[in-house]
Amino acid sequence: VWLDPQIQYEVLWDHTMCVERSKLSEIRDLMAKAFKGSLTPSQAQQVTAELERDPKLVYQCGLTPRKLPDLVENNPLIAIDALLKLMSSSQITEYFSVLVSMDMSLHSMEVVNRLTSAVELPTEFIHLYISNCIASCQNIKDNKYTQNRLVRLVCVFLQSLIRNKIINIKDMFHEVQEFCIEFSKIRK
């Protein structure tokens, strides 16, 4: 218009603009919320349904290895679904490394436990994760209540892995035995 004011231009308006957002932007927004806090059940269901409908969304939804710990702690079920979709990706080892190195919690154990029952995980990853759990229990010195709670969680986790034949206890016998002896006063 300013280059040639003599020419009459017709303004075209896109009436569909901003009416319906794309599924990708919706999922990205929900995932951004999921990293910061718990989603409502309907929001979590929406993310899960969209990932189920289009598994490739997991590569575009904003999830990175660095953001995985936040997703695990705030929305473990979405983390499980996302990791299952990422199993065939070349990045899965990065996600496993983050899972191994993150602070042990009920949610991280739930994620790993559900993954072990859904797919076959690398033995090395499972062993490293168990070692991290045992080290987390051993490193808590100042809060006996928290330590006892974590020891019980690790025991239940180990029982589940052994019962479901996911690990062979012989492979980690000495480490698990040492753990059991160290925390033998805690019931479980």
C-alpha atoms as a PDB file:
ATOM      1  CA  VAL A   1       0.000   0.000   0.000  1.00  0.00           C
ATOM      2  CA  TRP A   2       2.729   2.478   0.870  1.00  0.00           C
ATOM      3  CA  LEU A   3       4.841   1.555  -2.162  1.00  0.00           C
ATOM      4  CA  ASP A   4       2.166   2.236  -4.721  1.00  0.00           C
ATOM      5  CA  PRO A   5      -0.801   4.096  -3.258  1.00  0.00           C
ATOM      6  CA  GLN A   6      -2.578   4.098  -6.652  1.00  0.00           C
ATOM      7  CA  ILE A   7      -3.259   0.342  -6.569  1.00  0.00           C
ATOM      8  CA  GLN A   8      -6.380  -0.688  -4.695  1.00  0.00           C
ATOM      9  CA  TYR A   9      -5.781  -3.648  -2.420  1.00  0.00           C
ATOM     10  CA  GLU A  10      -8.495  -5.863  -1.073  1.00  0.00           C
ATOM     11  CA  VAL A  11      -8.045  -6.993   2.514  1.00  0.00           C
ATOM     12  CA  LEU A  12      -8.720 -10.664   2.970  1.00  0.00           C
ATOM     13  CA  TRP A  13      -9.646 -11.835   6.426  1.00  0.00           C
ATOM     14  CA  ASP A  14      -9.180 -15.388   7.624  1.00  0.00           C
ATOM     15  CA  HIS A  15     -12.256 -16.040   9.756  1.00  0.00           C
ATOM     16  CA  THR A  16     -10.968 -19.421  10.887  1.00  0.00           C
ATOM     17  CA  MET A  17      -7.841 -17.922  12.382  1.00  0.00           C
ATOM     18  CA  CYS A  18      -7.679 -18.442  16.141  1.00  0.00           C
ATOM     19  CA  VAL A  19     -10.997 -20.279  16.177  1.00  0.00           C
ATOM     20  CA  GLU A  20      -9.607 -23.771  16.718  1.00  0.00           C
ATOM     21  CA  ARG A  21      -6.093 -24.334  17.877  1.00  0.00           C
ATOM     22  CA  SER A  22      -4.113 -27.221  16.537  1.00  0.00           C
ATOM     23  CA  LYS A  23      -3.803 -30.385  18.577  1.00  0.00           C
ATOM     24  CA  LEU A  24      -0.060 -29.871  18.733  1.00  0.00           C
ATOM     25  CA  SER A  25      -0.331 -26.457  20.352  1.00  0.00           C
ATOM     26  CA  GLU A  26      -2.953 -27.789  22.786  1.00  0.00           C
ATOM     27  CA  ILE A  27      -0.707 -30.673  23.775  1.00  0.00           C
ATOM     28  CA  ARG A  28       2.299 -28.363  24.055  1.00  0.00           C
ATOM     29  CA  ASP A  29       0.348 -26.071  26.378  1.00  0.00           C
ATOM     30  CA  LEU A  30      -0.864 -28.985  28.494  1.00  0.00           C
ATOM     31  CA  MET A  31       2.630 -30.455  28.667  1.00  0.00           C
ATOM     32  CA  ALA A  32       4.031 -27.076  29.735  1.00  0.00           C
ATOM     33  CA  LYS A  33       1.490 -27.166  32.579  1.00  0.00           C
ATOM     34  CA  ALA A  34       2.329 -30.811  33.285  1.00  0.00           C
ATOM     35  CA  PHE A  35       5.992 -29.932  33.867  1.00  0.00           C
ATOM     36  CA  LYS A  36       4.993 -27.329  36.459  1.00  0.00           C
ATOM     37  CA  GLY A  37       2.204 -29.106  38.345  1.00  0.00           C
ATOM     38  CA  SER A  38      -0.412 -31.836  38.335  1.00  0.00           C
ATOM     39  CA  LEU A  39      -2.925 -31.749  35.530  1.00  0.00           C
ATOM     40  CA  THR A  40      -6.606 -32.250  36.178  1.00  0.00           C
ATOM     41  CA  PRO A  41      -7.819 -35.761  35.338  1.00  0.00           C
ATOM     42  CA  SER A  42      -9.527 -34.500  32.175  1.00  0.00           C
ATOM     43  CA  GLN A  43      -6.381 -32.678  31.030  1.00  0.00           C
ATOM     44  CA  ALA A  44      -4.247 -35.756  31.715  1.00  0.00           C
ATOM     45  CA  GLN A  45      -6.754 -37.902  29.817  1.00  0.00           C
ATOM     46  CA  GLN A  46      -6.607 -35.482  26.887  1.00  0.00           C
ATOM     47  CA  VAL A  47      -2.807 -35.693  26.713  1.00  0.00           C
ATOM     48  CA  THR A  48      -2.889 -39.480  26.988  1.00  0.00           C
ATOM     49  CA  ALA A  49      -5.597 -39.770  24.319  1.00  0.00           C
ATOM     50  CA  GLU A  50      -3.737 -37.501  21.904  1.00  0.00           C
ATOM     51  CA  LEU A  51      -0.468 -39.382  22.413  1.00  0.00           C
ATOM     52  CA  GLU A  52      -2.346 -42.619  21.801  1.00  0.00           C
ATOM     53  CA  ARG A  53      -3.975 -41.203  18.674  1.00  0.00           C
ATOM     54  CA  ASP A  54      -0.708 -39.830  17.306  1.00  0.00           C
ATOM     55  CA  PRO A  55       2.388 -41.326  18.995  1.00  0.00           C
ATOM     56  CA  LYS A  56       4.686 -38.984  17.018  1.00  0.00           C
ATOM     57  CA  LEU A  57       3.332 -36.048  19.059  1.00  0.00           C
ATOM     58  CA  VAL A  58       5.703 -37.122  21.821  1.00  0.00           C
ATOM     59  CA  TYR A  59       8.594 -35.778  19.730  1.00  0.00           C
ATOM     60  CA  GLN A  60       6.958 -32.367  19.343  1.00  0.00           C
ATOM     61  CA  CYS A  61       5.164 -31.826  22.645  1.00  0.00           C
ATOM     62  CA  GLY A  62       8.048 -30.139  24.437  1.00  0.00           C
ATOM     63  CA  LEU A  63       9.313 -33.130  26.413  1.00  0.00           C
ATOM     64  CA  THR A  64      13.091 -33.246  26.716  1.00  0.00           C
ATOM     65  CA  PRO A  65      15.345 -35.333  28.949  1.00  0.00           C
ATOM     66  CA  ARG A  66      15.927 -32.239  31.105  1.00  0.00           C
ATOM     67  CA  LYS A  67      12.169 -31.824  31.686  1.00  0.00           C
ATOM     68  CA  LEU A  68      11.515 -35.496  32.432  1.00  0.00           C
ATOM     69  CA  PRO A  69      12.064 -35.285  36.229  1.00  0.00           C
ATOM     70  CA  ASP A  70       9.400 -32.568  36.507  1.00  0.00           C
ATOM     71  CA  LEU A  71       6.951 -34.630  34.468  1.00  0.00           C
ATOM     72  CA  VAL A  72       7.677 -37.751  36.526  1.00  0.00           C
ATOM     73  CA  GLU A  73       7.060 -35.931  39.811  1.00  0.00           C
ATOM     74  CA  ASN A  74       3.978 -33.997  38.718  1.00  0.00           C
ATOM     75  CA  ASN A  75       2.298 -36.391  36.268  1.00  0.00           C
ATOM     76  CA  PRO A  76       3.825 -39.879  36.436  1.00  0.00           C
ATOM     77  CA  LEU A  77       1.152 -41.525  34.276  1.00  0.00           C
ATOM     78  CA  ILE A  78       1.819 -39.111  31.424  1.00  0.00           C
ATOM     79  CA  ALA A  79       5.560 -39.704  31.882  1.00  0.00           C
ATOM     80  CA  ILE A  80       4.967 -43.453  31.531  1.00  0.00           C
ATOM     81  CA  ASP A  81       2.931 -42.999  28.346  1.00  0.00           C
ATOM     82  CA  ALA A  82       5.485 -40.624  26.855  1.00  0.00           C
ATOM     83  CA  LEU A  83       8.423 -42.900  27.669  1.00  0.00           C
ATOM     84  CA  LEU A  84       6.619 -45.878  26.158  1.00  0.00           C
ATOM     85  CA  LYS A  85       6.166 -43.878  22.957  1.00  0.00           C
ATOM     86  CA  LEU A  86       9.871 -42.962  23.014  1.00  0.00           C
ATOM     87  CA  MET A  87      11.112 -46.550  23.460  1.00  0.00           C
ATOM     88  CA  SER A  88      12.071 -46.951  19.814  1.00  0.00           C
ATOM     89  CA  SER A  89      13.737 -43.545  19.600  1.00  0.00           C
ATOM     90  CA  SER A  90      17.474 -43.011  19.603  1.00  0.00           C
ATOM     91  CA  GLN A  91      17.032 -40.599  22.535  1.00  0.00           C
ATOM     92  CA  ILE A  92      15.650 -43.189  24.959  1.00  0.00           C
ATOM     93  CA  THR A  93      19.075 -43.757  26.538  1.00  0.00           C
ATOM     94  CA  GLU A  94      19.198 -40.060  27.457  1.00  0.00           C
ATOM     95  CA  TYR A  95      15.807 -40.376  29.140  1.00  0.00           C
ATOM     96  CA  PHE A  96      16.982 -43.510  30.969  1.00  0.00           C
ATOM     97  CA  SER A  97      20.100 -41.662  32.150  1.00  0.00           C
ATOM     98  CA  VAL A  98      17.936 -38.891  33.555  1.00  0.00           C
ATOM     99  CA  LEU A  99      15.662 -41.419  35.296  1.00  0.00           C
ATOM    100  CA  VAL A 100      18.670 -43.135  36.861  1.00  0.00           C
ATOM    101  CA  SER A 101      20.224 -39.919  38.098  1.00  0.00           C
ATOM    102  CA  MET A 102      17.104 -38.174  39.400  1.00  0.00           C
ATOM    103  CA  ASP A 103      16.232 -38.211  43.081  1.00  0.00           C
ATOM    104  CA  MET A 104      14.445 -41.365  44.105  1.00  0.00           C
ATOM    105  CA  SER A 105      10.776 -40.899  44.902  1.00  0.00           C
ATOM    106  CA  LEU A 106       7.533 -42.809  44.910  1.00  0.00           C
ATOM    107  CA  HIS A 107       6.705 -41.390  41.481  1.00  0.00           C
ATOM    108  CA  SER A 108      10.039 -42.258  39.892  1.00  0.00           C
ATOM    109  CA  MET A 109       9.743 -45.804  41.235  1.00  0.00           C
ATOM    110  CA  GLU A 110       6.190 -46.032  39.928  1.00  0.00           C
ATOM    111  CA  VAL A 111       7.348 -44.925  36.475  1.00  0.00           C
ATOM    112  CA  VAL A 112      10.213 -47.434  36.375  1.00  0.00           C
ATOM    113  CA  ASN A 113       8.048 -50.229  37.795  1.00  0.00           C
ATOM    114  CA  ARG A 114       5.308 -49.654  35.201  1.00  0.00           C
ATOM    115  CA  LEU A 115       7.869 -49.460  32.422  1.00  0.00           C
ATOM    116  CA  THR A 116       9.393 -52.775  33.506  1.00  0.00           C
ATOM    117  CA  SER A 117       6.006 -54.460  33.350  1.00  0.00           C
ATOM    118  CA  ALA A 118       5.133 -52.928  29.961  1.00  0.00           C
ATOM    119  CA  VAL A 119       8.374 -53.384  28.019  1.00  0.00           C
ATOM    120  CA  GLU A 120      11.716 -55.059  28.397  1.00  0.00           C
ATOM    121  CA  LEU A 121      14.154 -52.485  29.733  1.00  0.00           C
ATOM    122  CA  PRO A 122      17.935 -52.787  29.486  1.00  0.00           C
ATOM    123  CA  THR A 123      19.298 -54.775  32.421  1.00  0.00           C
ATOM    124  CA  GLU A 124      22.035 -52.209  32.954  1.00  0.00           C
ATOM    125  CA  PHE A 125      19.438 -49.455  33.372  1.00  0.00           C
ATOM    126  CA  ILE A 126      17.470 -51.466  35.939  1.00  0.00           C
ATOM    127  CA  HIS A 127      20.628 -52.297  37.893  1.00  0.00           C
ATOM    128  CA  LEU A 128      21.752 -48.663  37.868  1.00  0.00           C
ATOM    129  CA  TYR A 129      18.318 -47.527  38.986  1.00  0.00           C
ATOM    130  CA  ILE A 130      18.301 -50.035  41.871  1.00  0.00           C
ATOM    131  CA  SER A 131      21.814 -48.937  42.865  1.00  0.00           C
ATOM    132  CA  ASN A 132      20.655 -45.316  42.856  1.00  0.00           C
ATOM    133  CA  CYS A 133      17.669 -46.217  45.045  1.00  0.00           C
ATOM    134  CA  ILE A 134      19.890 -48.043  47.525  1.00  0.00           C
ATOM    135  CA  ALA A 135      22.358 -45.134  47.589  1.00  0.00           C
ATOM    136  CA  SER A 136      19.486 -42.680  48.164  1.00  0.00           C
ATOM    137  CA  CYS A 137      18.393 -44.676  51.209  1.00  0.00           C
ATOM    138  CA  GLN A 138      21.935 -44.835  52.546  1.00  0.00           C
ATOM    139  CA  ASN A 139      22.542 -41.115  52.051  1.00  0.00           C
ATOM    140  CA  ILE A 140      19.610 -39.985  54.172  1.00  0.00           C
ATOM    141  CA  LYS A 141      21.073 -39.627  57.637  1.00  0.00           C
ATOM    142  CA  ASP A 142      19.197 -36.750  59.247  1.00  0.00           C
ATOM    143  CA  ASN A 143      15.562 -37.820  58.788  1.00  0.00           C
ATOM    144  CA  LYS A 144      14.863 -41.362  59.983  1.00  0.00           C
ATOM    145  CA  TYR A 145      11.176 -41.201  59.038  1.00  0.00           C
ATOM    146  CA  THR A 146      11.992 -40.364  55.411  1.00  0.00           C
ATOM    147  CA  GLN A 147      14.736 -42.958  55.331  1.00  0.00           C
ATOM    148  CA  ASN A 148      12.421 -45.674  56.694  1.00  0.00           C
ATOM    149  CA  ARG A 149       9.751 -44.743  54.170  1.00  0.00           C
ATOM    150  CA  LEU A 150      12.201 -44.893  51.256  1.00  0.00           C
ATOM    151  CA  VAL A 151      13.660 -48.200  52.455  1.00  0.00           C
ATOM    152  CA  ARG A 152      10.163 -49.694  52.518  1.00  0.00           C
ATOM    153  CA  LEU A 153       9.505 -48.373  49.003  1.00  0.00           C
ATOM    154  CA  VAL A 154      12.735 -49.894  47.725  1.00  0.00           C
ATOM    155  CA  CYS A 155      11.880 -53.234  49.352  1.00  0.00           C
ATOM    156  CA  VAL A 156       8.445 -53.299  47.721  1.00  0.00           C
ATOM    157  CA  PHE A 157      10.011 -52.276  44.410  1.00  0.00           C
ATOM    158  CA  LEU A 158      12.642 -55.025  44.623  1.00  0.00           C
ATOM    159  CA  GLN A 159      10.003 -57.608  45.575  1.00  0.00           C
ATOM    160  CA  SER A 160       7.955 -56.609  42.544  1.00  0.00           C
ATOM    161  CA  LEU A 161      10.952 -56.881  40.214  1.00  0.00           C
ATOM    162  CA  ILE A 162      11.935 -60.278  41.610  1.00  0.00           C
ATOM    163  CA  ARG A 163       8.368 -61.634  41.671  1.00  0.00           C
ATOM    164  CA  ASN A 164       7.805 -60.601  38.048  1.00  0.00           C
ATOM    165  CA  LYS A 165      11.195 -62.076  37.036  1.00  0.00           C
ATOM    166  CA  ILE A 166      12.398 -58.724  35.723  1.00  0.00           C
ATOM    167  CA  ILE A 167      15.702 -58.990  37.538  1.00  0.00           C
ATOM    168  CA  ASN A 168      17.768 -61.936  38.531  1.00  0.00           C
ATOM    169  CA  ILE A 169      18.701 -61.297  42.131  1.00  0.00           C
ATOM    170  CA  LYS A 170      21.976 -63.190  41.611  1.00  0.00           C
ATOM    171  CA  ASP A 171      23.194 -60.312  39.432  1.00  0.00           C
ATOM    172  CA  MET A 172      22.915 -57.856  42.321  1.00  0.00           C
ATOM    173  CA  PHE A 173      23.148 -60.239  45.228  1.00  0.00           C
ATOM    174  CA  HIS A 174      25.914 -58.529  47.196  1.00  0.00           C
ATOM    175  CA  GLU A 175      24.479 -55.030  46.851  1.00  0.00           C
ATOM    176  CA  VAL A 176      20.960 -56.126  47.801  1.00  0.00           C
ATOM    177  CA  GLN A 177      22.255 -58.286  50.649  1.00  0.00           C
ATOM    178  CA  GLU A 178      24.251 -55.355  52.038  1.00  0.00           C
ATOM    179  CA  PHE A 179      21.141 -53.164  51.770  1.00  0.00           C
ATOM    180  CA  CYS A 180      19.023 -55.741  53.589  1.00  0.00           C
ATOM    181  CA  ILE A 181      21.560 -56.145  56.386  1.00  0.00           C
ATOM    182  CA  GLU A 182      22.036 -52.392  56.788  1.00  0.00           C
ATOM    183  CA  PHE A 183      18.304 -51.771  57.074  1.00  0.00           C
ATOM    184  CA  SER A 184      17.282 -55.042  58.739  1.00  0.00           C
ATOM    185  CA  LYS A 185      15.683 -53.175  61.650  1.00  0.00           C
ATOM    186  CA  ILE A 186      13.086 -51.667  59.351  1.00  0.00           C
ATOM    187  CA  ARG A 187      10.111 -53.937  58.877  1.00  0.00           C
ATOM    188  CA  LYS A 188       9.213 -54.995  55.331  1.00  0.00           C
END
